[in-house]
Amino acid sequence: MIKYFRCNSNKYNLMKQIISLVLLFVCFIGSLSCQNTNLLYDIPVQRLNLNKIVGINNPQINTISPFSVSHLVSLKEYKEFLMEMKRDSGDVCYYRLCPDSSITSAEKLNQYLSDTIFDQFPV
């Protein structure tokens, strides 16, 4: 009876080691795929004739300084963007850029956009 237990104990330890190695391998592979989630992309200097883009005949060239951008945007950054668009382009543009109001009530949407609790989360 003791010999049988010892044999199963060895198999159990072997299985435990194999499972540990598999889990370690999976965690390692998972960490490799997660390393690129916070990449910043460098955007070079841009020289544009913004007047020509909107249909105004003016040869003035606007220079946009280089900057870095992430594929993630926080809710705080999104709300700042919305407020800038509202200030620059008016209410119509602001409401077109707001989240789809058909997915929740107007009250909940207003709470989501006015509360600061989710400001650091990506949208």
N, C-alpha and C. Protein backbone atom coordinates (compact mmCIF):
# COMPACT_ATOMS: atom_id res chain seq x y z
N MET A 1 0.82 -1.20 0.00
CA MET A 1 0.00 0.00 0.00
C MET A 1 0.87 1.26 0.00
N ILE A 2 1.93 1.25 0.74
CA ILE A 2 2.83 2.41 0.80
C ILE A 2 3.53 2.59 -0.54
N LYS A 3 3.96 1.48 -1.14
CA LYS A 3 4.61 1.55 -2.44
C LYS A 3 3.67 2.18 -3.47
N TYR A 4 2.40 1.83 -3.50
CA TYR A 4 1.41 2.39 -4.41
C TYR A 4 1.27 3.90 -4.20
N PHE A 5 1.24 4.33 -2.95
CA PHE A 5 1.12 5.75 -2.64
C PHE A 5 2.35 6.51 -3.12
N ARG A 6 3.53 5.89 -2.93
CA ARG A 6 4.77 6.52 -3.35
C ARG A 6 4.82 6.69 -4.87
N CYS A 7 4.37 5.72 -5.60
CA CYS A 7 4.34 5.79 -7.06
C CYS A 7 3.41 6.90 -7.52
N ASN A 8 2.24 6.97 -6.93
CA ASN A 8 1.31 8.03 -7.28
C ASN A 8 1.83 9.39 -6.85
N SER A 9 2.56 9.43 -5.75
CA SER A 9 3.13 10.67 -5.28
C SER A 9 4.16 11.19 -6.28
N ASN A 10 4.98 10.31 -6.84
CA ASN A 10 5.96 10.71 -7.85
C ASN A 10 5.27 11.22 -9.11
N LYS A 11 4.24 10.52 -9.52
CA LYS A 11 3.48 10.98 -10.69
C LYS A 11 2.82 12.33 -10.41
N TYR A 12 2.31 12.49 -9.20
CA TYR A 12 1.68 13.75 -8.81
C TYR A 12 2.70 14.89 -8.86
N ASN A 13 3.89 14.65 -8.32
CA ASN A 13 4.94 15.68 -8.33
C ASN A 13 5.37 16.01 -9.76
N LEU A 14 5.48 14.97 -10.58
CA LEU A 14 5.83 15.20 -11.98
C LEU A 14 4.77 16.03 -12.68
N MET A 15 3.51 15.69 -12.48
CA MET A 15 2.41 16.45 -13.08
C MET A 15 2.41 17.89 -12.57
N LYS A 16 2.68 18.07 -11.30
CA LYS A 16 2.72 19.41 -10.71
C LYS A 16 3.83 20.23 -11.35
N GLN A 17 5.00 19.63 -11.57
CA GLN A 17 6.10 20.33 -12.22
C GLN A 17 5.78 20.67 -13.67
N ILE A 18 5.16 19.76 -14.38
CA ILE A 18 4.79 20.01 -15.78
C ILE A 18 3.78 21.15 -15.86
N ILE A 19 2.77 21.11 -14.99
CA ILE A 19 1.76 22.17 -14.98
C ILE A 19 2.40 23.51 -14.64
N SER A 20 3.33 23.50 -13.68
CA SER A 20 4.02 24.74 -13.31
C SER A 20 4.81 25.30 -14.48
N LEU A 21 5.50 24.42 -15.21
CA LEU A 21 6.27 24.87 -16.38
C LEU A 21 5.36 25.41 -17.48
N VAL A 22 4.24 24.75 -17.71
CA VAL A 22 3.29 25.22 -18.72
C VAL A 22 2.74 26.59 -18.33
N LEU A 23 2.36 26.76 -17.07
CA LEU A 23 1.85 28.06 -16.60
C LEU A 23 2.93 29.14 -16.71
N LEU A 24 4.16 28.80 -16.37
CA LEU A 24 5.25 29.76 -16.49
C LEU A 24 5.45 30.16 -17.96
N PHE A 25 5.40 29.21 -18.85
CA PHE A 25 5.53 29.48 -20.29
C PHE A 25 4.40 30.38 -20.78
N VAL A 26 3.18 30.08 -20.37
CA VAL A 26 2.02 30.89 -20.78
C VAL A 26 2.16 32.32 -20.26
N CYS A 27 2.59 32.46 -19.00
CA CYS A 27 2.78 33.80 -18.43
C CYS A 27 3.88 34.56 -19.19
N PHE A 28 4.96 33.85 -19.55
CA PHE A 28 6.05 34.48 -20.29
C PHE A 28 5.57 34.97 -21.66
N ILE A 29 4.87 34.12 -22.38
CA ILE A 29 4.34 34.49 -23.70
C ILE A 29 3.35 35.65 -23.55
N GLY A 30 2.50 35.59 -22.53
CA GLY A 30 1.55 36.68 -22.29
C GLY A 30 2.24 37.99 -22.01
N SER A 31 3.35 37.94 -21.27
CA SER A 31 4.06 39.18 -20.96
C SER A 31 4.71 39.76 -22.21
N LEU A 32 5.15 38.89 -23.13
CA LEU A 32 5.72 39.39 -24.38
C LEU A 32 4.69 40.13 -25.22
N SER A 33 3.48 39.60 -25.26
CA SER A 33 2.44 40.24 -26.07
C SER A 33 1.92 41.51 -25.43
N CYS A 34 2.11 41.68 -24.12
CA CYS A 34 1.62 42.87 -23.43
C CYS A 34 2.65 43.98 -23.36
N GLN A 35 3.86 43.74 -23.79
CA GLN A 35 4.90 44.74 -23.67
C GLN A 35 4.66 45.94 -24.56
N ASN A 36 3.97 45.79 -25.66
CA ASN A 36 3.78 46.87 -26.62
C ASN A 36 2.49 47.64 -26.43
N THR A 37 1.82 47.48 -25.29
CA THR A 37 0.53 48.13 -25.11
C THR A 37 0.64 49.62 -24.83
N ASN A 38 1.77 50.09 -24.33
CA ASN A 38 1.90 51.50 -23.97
C ASN A 38 2.86 52.23 -24.89
N LEU A 39 2.94 51.82 -26.13
CA LEU A 39 3.83 52.47 -27.07
C LEU A 39 3.37 53.89 -27.37
N LEU A 40 4.34 54.75 -27.51
CA LEU A 40 4.06 56.10 -27.98
C LEU A 40 4.57 56.20 -29.41
N TYR A 41 3.79 56.80 -30.25
CA TYR A 41 4.15 56.97 -31.65
C TYR A 41 4.55 58.42 -31.87
N ASP A 42 5.74 58.63 -32.40
CA ASP A 42 6.21 59.99 -32.67
C ASP A 42 5.63 60.51 -33.97
N ILE A 43 5.00 61.65 -33.88
CA ILE A 43 4.43 62.32 -35.06
C ILE A 43 5.39 63.46 -35.41
N PRO A 44 5.95 63.47 -36.62
CA PRO A 44 6.93 64.50 -36.98
C PRO A 44 6.26 65.85 -37.24
N VAL A 45 7.09 66.84 -37.45
CA VAL A 45 6.62 68.19 -37.79
C VAL A 45 5.74 68.10 -39.03
N GLN A 46 4.62 68.80 -39.01
CA GLN A 46 3.72 68.84 -40.16
C GLN A 46 3.60 70.28 -40.64
N ARG A 47 3.70 70.48 -41.92
CA ARG A 47 3.50 71.80 -42.50
C ARG A 47 2.32 71.70 -43.46
N LEU A 48 1.26 72.42 -43.11
CA LEU A 48 0.01 72.31 -43.85
C LEU A 48 -0.51 73.69 -44.21
N ASN A 49 -1.20 73.76 -45.32
CA ASN A 49 -1.95 74.96 -45.67
C ASN A 49 -3.39 74.67 -45.26
N LEU A 50 -3.70 74.98 -43.99
CA LEU A 50 -5.02 74.67 -43.45
C LEU A 50 -6.12 75.44 -44.18
N ASN A 51 -5.80 76.64 -44.65
CA ASN A 51 -6.80 77.42 -45.39
C ASN A 51 -7.21 76.70 -46.67
N LYS A 52 -6.24 76.13 -47.38
CA LYS A 52 -6.54 75.42 -48.61
C LYS A 52 -7.40 74.19 -48.34
N ILE A 53 -7.13 73.52 -47.21
CA ILE A 53 -7.90 72.31 -46.86
C ILE A 53 -9.37 72.64 -46.68
N VAL A 54 -9.68 73.81 -46.10
CA VAL A 54 -11.08 74.19 -45.88
C VAL A 54 -11.65 75.04 -47.01
N GLY A 55 -10.87 75.24 -48.08
CA GLY A 55 -11.40 75.91 -49.26
C GLY A 55 -11.16 77.41 -49.33
N ILE A 56 -10.23 77.93 -48.54
CA ILE A 56 -9.92 79.37 -48.58
C ILE A 56 -8.61 79.54 -49.35
N ASN A 57 -8.61 80.49 -50.28
CA ASN A 57 -7.42 80.73 -51.09
C ASN A 57 -6.47 81.64 -50.33
N ASN A 58 -5.57 81.03 -49.55
CA ASN A 58 -4.60 81.78 -48.77
C ASN A 58 -3.34 80.91 -48.69
N PRO A 59 -2.18 81.42 -49.10
CA PRO A 59 -0.98 80.60 -49.15
C PRO A 59 -0.28 80.38 -47.80
N GLN A 60 -0.86 80.86 -46.72
CA GLN A 60 -0.23 80.74 -45.39
C GLN A 60 -0.03 79.26 -45.02
N ILE A 61 1.19 78.92 -44.61
CA ILE A 61 1.52 77.56 -44.19
C ILE A 61 1.54 77.52 -42.67
N ASN A 62 0.82 76.58 -42.10
CA ASN A 62 0.79 76.39 -40.66
C ASN A 62 1.73 75.25 -40.30
N THR A 63 2.51 75.43 -39.24
CA THR A 63 3.44 74.40 -38.78
C THR A 63 2.91 73.81 -37.49
N ILE A 64 2.81 72.49 -37.47
CA ILE A 64 2.38 71.77 -36.27
C ILE A 64 3.62 71.11 -35.69
N SER A 65 3.92 71.42 -34.45
CA SER A 65 5.11 70.89 -33.79
C SER A 65 5.02 69.38 -33.64
N PRO A 66 6.18 68.72 -33.56
CA PRO A 66 6.16 67.27 -33.36
C PRO A 66 5.58 66.91 -31.99
N PHE A 67 4.97 65.75 -31.90
CA PHE A 67 4.40 65.29 -30.63
C PHE A 67 4.32 63.77 -30.64
N SER A 68 4.03 63.22 -29.49
CA SER A 68 3.87 61.77 -29.35
C SER A 68 2.43 61.46 -29.03
N VAL A 69 1.97 60.33 -29.52
CA VAL A 69 0.59 59.94 -29.29
C VAL A 69 0.55 58.45 -28.96
N SER A 70 -0.38 58.08 -28.10
CA SER A 70 -0.58 56.69 -27.71
C SER A 70 -1.85 56.19 -28.38
N HIS A 71 -2.00 54.88 -28.46
CA HIS A 71 -3.24 54.34 -29.00
C HIS A 71 -4.36 54.39 -27.96
N LEU A 72 -4.02 54.79 -26.73
CA LEU A 72 -5.03 54.90 -25.68
C LEU A 72 -5.35 56.37 -25.41
N VAL A 73 -6.60 56.67 -25.20
CA VAL A 73 -7.06 58.00 -24.84
C VAL A 73 -7.85 57.86 -23.55
N SER A 74 -7.48 58.66 -22.55
CA SER A 74 -8.22 58.59 -21.29
C SER A 74 -9.53 59.38 -21.43
N LEU A 75 -10.46 59.09 -20.55
CA LEU A 75 -11.73 59.82 -20.58
C LEU A 75 -11.50 61.31 -20.35
N LYS A 76 -10.54 61.65 -19.49
CA LYS A 76 -10.24 63.06 -19.24
C LYS A 76 -9.77 63.75 -20.52
N GLU A 77 -8.89 63.07 -21.27
CA GLU A 77 -8.42 63.65 -22.54
C GLU A 77 -9.56 63.76 -23.55
N TYR A 78 -10.44 62.77 -23.56
CA TYR A 78 -11.59 62.80 -24.47
C TYR A 78 -12.52 63.96 -24.13
N LYS A 79 -12.74 64.19 -22.82
CA LYS A 79 -13.61 65.30 -22.42
C LYS A 79 -12.97 66.64 -22.75
N GLU A 80 -11.65 66.74 -22.60
CA GLU A 80 -10.96 67.97 -22.97
C GLU A 80 -11.09 68.22 -24.48
N PHE A 81 -10.95 67.15 -25.25
CA PHE A 81 -11.13 67.24 -26.70
C PHE A 81 -12.54 67.72 -27.04
N LEU A 82 -13.54 67.13 -26.38
CA LEU A 82 -14.93 67.54 -26.64
C LEU A 82 -15.15 69.02 -26.34
N MET A 83 -14.59 69.49 -25.23
CA MET A 83 -14.77 70.89 -24.85
C MET A 83 -14.08 71.82 -25.85
N GLU A 84 -12.90 71.43 -26.33
CA GLU A 84 -12.21 72.23 -27.34
C GLU A 84 -13.02 72.28 -28.64
N MET A 85 -13.58 71.14 -29.03
CA MET A 85 -14.39 71.12 -30.25
C MET A 85 -15.64 71.96 -30.08
N LYS A 86 -16.24 71.93 -28.90
CA LYS A 86 -17.43 72.74 -28.65
C LYS A 86 -17.08 74.22 -28.72
N ARG A 87 -15.92 74.57 -28.13
CA ARG A 87 -15.49 75.97 -28.13
C ARG A 87 -15.15 76.43 -29.55
N ASP A 88 -14.45 75.58 -30.30
CA ASP A 88 -14.00 75.97 -31.64
C ASP A 88 -15.09 75.84 -32.71
N SER A 89 -15.91 74.78 -32.61
CA SER A 89 -16.83 74.47 -33.70
C SER A 89 -18.30 74.55 -33.35
N GLY A 90 -18.61 74.74 -32.08
CA GLY A 90 -20.00 74.91 -31.70
C GLY A 90 -20.67 73.64 -31.19
N ASP A 91 -21.93 73.80 -30.79
CA ASP A 91 -22.69 72.71 -30.18
C ASP A 91 -22.96 71.55 -31.14
N VAL A 92 -23.20 71.85 -32.40
CA VAL A 92 -23.54 70.78 -33.35
C VAL A 92 -22.39 69.78 -33.45
N CYS A 93 -21.18 70.30 -33.61
CA CYS A 93 -20.00 69.43 -33.69
C CYS A 93 -19.79 68.68 -32.37
N TYR A 94 -19.98 69.37 -31.26
CA TYR A 94 -19.82 68.76 -29.93
C TYR A 94 -20.75 67.55 -29.77
N TYR A 95 -22.02 67.74 -30.09
CA TYR A 95 -22.99 66.66 -29.91
C TYR A 95 -22.76 65.49 -30.88
N ARG A 96 -22.21 65.78 -32.05
CA ARG A 96 -21.89 64.70 -32.98
C ARG A 96 -20.73 63.84 -32.48
N LEU A 97 -19.84 64.44 -31.71
CA LEU A 97 -18.66 63.72 -31.20
C LEU A 97 -18.90 63.06 -29.84
N CYS A 98 -20.01 63.38 -29.20
CA CYS A 98 -20.35 62.76 -27.92
C CYS A 98 -20.67 61.28 -28.13
N PRO A 99 -20.53 60.47 -27.07
CA PRO A 99 -20.89 59.05 -27.20
C PRO A 99 -22.34 58.87 -27.62
N ASP A 100 -22.62 57.75 -28.25
CA ASP A 100 -23.96 57.42 -28.72
C ASP A 100 -24.93 57.41 -27.55
N SER A 101 -25.89 58.29 -27.57
CA SER A 101 -26.84 58.41 -26.45
C SER A 101 -27.91 57.32 -26.47
N SER A 102 -27.95 56.51 -27.52
CA SER A 102 -28.96 55.46 -27.56
C SER A 102 -28.55 54.24 -26.74
N ILE A 103 -27.30 54.19 -26.29
CA ILE A 103 -26.86 53.03 -25.52
C ILE A 103 -27.16 53.14 -24.04
N THR A 104 -27.53 54.33 -23.58
CA THR A 104 -27.86 54.54 -22.17
C THR A 104 -28.78 55.75 -22.06
N SER A 105 -29.23 56.01 -20.85
CA SER A 105 -30.10 57.17 -20.65
C SER A 105 -29.28 58.46 -20.70
N ALA A 106 -29.93 59.55 -21.00
CA ALA A 106 -29.26 60.85 -21.05
C ALA A 106 -28.67 61.20 -19.69
N GLU A 107 -29.37 60.82 -18.64
CA GLU A 107 -28.89 61.10 -17.28
C GLU A 107 -27.57 60.38 -17.00
N LYS A 108 -27.49 59.09 -17.37
CA LYS A 108 -26.27 58.33 -17.14
C LYS A 108 -25.12 58.83 -18.01
N LEU A 109 -25.42 59.19 -19.24
CA LEU A 109 -24.40 59.73 -20.13
C LEU A 109 -23.86 61.04 -19.58
N ASN A 110 -24.74 61.91 -19.11
CA ASN A 110 -24.31 63.17 -18.52
C ASN A 110 -23.46 62.94 -17.29
N GLN A 111 -23.84 61.96 -16.47
CA GLN A 111 -23.07 61.64 -15.27
C GLN A 111 -21.68 61.12 -15.67
N TYR A 112 -21.62 60.28 -16.68
CA TYR A 112 -20.35 59.72 -17.16
C TYR A 112 -19.42 60.82 -17.64
N LEU A 113 -19.96 61.79 -18.36
CA LEU A 113 -19.13 62.86 -18.90
C LEU A 113 -18.78 63.94 -17.89
N SER A 114 -19.58 64.08 -16.83
CA SER A 114 -19.32 65.15 -15.87
C SER A 114 -18.57 64.67 -14.62
N ASP A 115 -18.66 63.39 -14.29
CA ASP A 115 -17.99 62.85 -13.12
C ASP A 115 -16.50 62.64 -13.43
N THR A 116 -15.64 62.75 -12.41
CA THR A 116 -14.21 62.58 -12.62
C THR A 116 -13.72 61.18 -12.22
N ILE A 117 -14.60 60.33 -11.77
CA ILE A 117 -14.18 59.03 -11.26
C ILE A 117 -13.53 58.15 -12.34
N PHE A 118 -13.93 58.30 -13.60
CA PHE A 118 -13.39 57.47 -14.68
C PHE A 118 -12.36 58.21 -15.53
N ASP A 119 -11.91 59.36 -15.09
CA ASP A 119 -11.02 60.20 -15.92
C ASP A 119 -9.73 59.51 -16.34
N GLN A 120 -9.18 58.61 -15.55
CA GLN A 120 -7.91 57.98 -15.88
C GLN A 120 -8.08 56.69 -16.71
N PHE A 121 -9.32 56.28 -16.96
CA PHE A 121 -9.56 55.05 -17.70
C PHE A 121 -9.60 55.34 -19.20
N PRO A 122 -9.14 54.38 -20.03
CA PRO A 122 -9.21 54.58 -21.48
C PRO A 122 -10.64 54.47 -22.01
N VAL A 123 -10.89 55.16 -23.10
CA VAL A 123 -12.20 55.07 -23.76
C VAL A 123 -12.02 54.44 -25.12
